[in-house]
Protein backbone atom coordinates (compact mmCIF):
# COMPACT_ATOMS: atom_id res chain seq x y z
CA UNK A 1 89.76 31.77 -66.49
CA UNK A 2 92.65 30.51 -64.38
CA UNK A 3 93.60 33.53 -62.50
CA UNK A 4 90.30 34.36 -61.94
CA UNK A 5 89.81 31.50 -60.74
CA UNK A 6 93.06 31.11 -58.80
CA UNK A 7 91.91 34.03 -56.82
CA UNK A 8 88.65 33.13 -56.25
CA UNK A 9 90.00 29.81 -54.29
CA UNK A 10 92.01 31.75 -52.58
CA UNK A 11 89.41 33.68 -51.13
CA UNK A 12 87.41 30.60 -50.63
CA UNK A 13 90.79 29.59 -48.38
CA UNK A 14 91.18 33.09 -46.69
CA UNK A 15 87.46 33.65 -45.29
CA UNK A 16 89.29 33.82 -41.79
CA UNK A 17 91.44 37.40 -42.78
CA UNK A 18 90.59 40.69 -44.92
CA UNK A 19 91.21 40.17 -48.20
CA UNK A 20 92.74 43.07 -50.43
CA UNK A 21 92.51 43.80 -53.70
CA UNK A 22 96.61 43.81 -53.88
CA UNK A 23 97.01 40.25 -53.34
CA UNK A 24 94.54 39.50 -55.61
CA UNK A 25 96.60 40.52 -58.21
CA UNK A 26 99.50 39.73 -57.17
CA UNK A 27 98.58 36.21 -57.09
CA UNK A 28 96.99 36.36 -60.33
CA UNK A 29 99.97 38.59 -61.62
CA UNK A 30 97.65 41.27 -63.54
CA UNK A 31 97.58 45.39 -61.27
CA UNK A 32 94.51 46.03 -59.02
CA UNK A 33 92.54 47.97 -61.51
CA UNK A 34 92.66 45.67 -64.44
CA UNK A 35 92.42 42.67 -61.89
CA UNK A 36 88.61 44.00 -61.14
CA UNK A 37 88.24 44.77 -64.83
CA UNK A 38 88.52 41.32 -65.53
CA UNK A 39 87.68 39.92 -62.51
CA UNK A 40 83.63 42.08 -62.79
CA UNK A 41 83.19 40.65 -66.92
CA UNK A 42 84.31 36.93 -66.00
CA UNK A 43 82.06 36.78 -62.54
CA UNK A 44 79.57 39.70 -63.40
CA UNK A 45 79.94 41.17 -60.12
CA UNK A 46 82.96 43.33 -58.00
CA UNK A 47 85.27 41.89 -55.77
CA UNK A 48 84.58 43.16 -53.17
CA UNK A 49 80.94 41.72 -53.76
CA UNK A 50 82.04 38.28 -53.77
CA UNK A 51 84.17 38.62 -51.83
CA UNK A 52 80.88 39.62 -49.10
CA UNK A 53 78.90 36.79 -51.00
CA UNK A 54 81.46 34.43 -50.13
CA UNK A 55 82.03 35.73 -46.10
CA UNK A 56 77.54 35.63 -46.22
CA UNK A 57 77.51 32.11 -47.45
CA UNK A 58 79.95 30.82 -44.73
CA UNK A 59 78.27 32.39 -42.03
CA UNK A 60 74.88 31.19 -43.02
CA UNK A 61 76.49 27.77 -42.27
CA UNK A 62 78.20 28.57 -39.12
CA UNK A 63 74.75 30.24 -38.08
CA UNK A 64 73.19 26.89 -38.87
CA UNK A 65 75.74 24.47 -37.51
CA UNK A 66 77.05 26.22 -34.70
CA UNK A 67 76.01 28.03 -31.16
CA UNK A 68 78.85 30.37 -32.18
CA UNK A 69 77.55 34.51 -31.07
CA UNK A 70 76.70 36.71 -34.16
CA UNK A 71 79.96 38.70 -32.60
CA UNK A 72 82.44 35.60 -32.86
CA UNK A 73 81.52 34.38 -36.67
CA UNK A 74 81.47 38.72 -37.78
CA UNK A 75 85.04 38.43 -35.98
CA UNK A 76 85.92 34.72 -37.79
CA UNK A 77 85.40 35.68 -41.04
CA UNK A 78 87.35 38.93 -40.39
CA UNK A 79 84.61 42.11 -40.93
CA UNK A 80 85.90 45.11 -39.17
CA UNK A 81 82.71 45.14 -36.33
CA UNK A 82 79.94 43.04 -35.88
CA UNK A 83 77.72 46.09 -36.73
CA UNK A 84 78.64 45.90 -40.64
CA UNK A 85 78.59 42.30 -40.74
CA UNK A 86 74.83 42.43 -39.99
CA UNK A 87 74.57 45.23 -42.25
CA UNK A 88 76.28 42.82 -45.26
CA UNK A 89 74.32 40.09 -44.08
CA UNK A 90 71.00 41.88 -44.18
CA UNK A 91 71.85 43.30 -47.55
CA UNK A 92 72.62 39.69 -48.83
CA UNK A 93 70.43 37.91 -47.03
CA UNK A 94 67.48 40.09 -46.47
CA UNK A 95 67.63 38.59 -43.03
CA UNK A 96 69.76 39.44 -39.36
CA UNK A 97 72.11 36.68 -39.00
CA UNK A 98 69.60 36.55 -35.81
CA UNK A 99 66.79 36.16 -38.06
CA UNK A 100 68.46 34.06 -39.74
CA UNK A 101 69.50 31.78 -37.34
CA UNK A 102 65.85 31.38 -35.87
CA UNK A 103 64.19 30.60 -39.28
CA UNK A 104 66.47 28.86 -39.61
CA UNK A 105 65.80 26.34 -36.52
CA UNK A 106 62.67 26.54 -36.84
CA UNK A 107 62.80 25.52 -40.37
CA UNK A 108 64.58 22.30 -38.89
CA UNK A 109 61.57 21.18 -36.27
């Protein structure tokens, strides 16, 4: 739907800050509860999982294309702590950010 696409676009453009359900609900014109239910029904994943996934995808690009430290990447993507970022990254990819970067660099050689 248009409202859910609008939320996805907002998330993509707001990876450098904390993204709150309340802000997305206001953007879509829905209550927080209705937005979370509608989002899950349309995308197959929860709003928080989607936000985490998109942030991890951006982190992968940063790990591949920059020399930013893991902490700098965590900070730039508005994770609460570097440890939480590492945990989210590992849960999503199966690798820590350092392992991912090393693996990617090896693959390019």
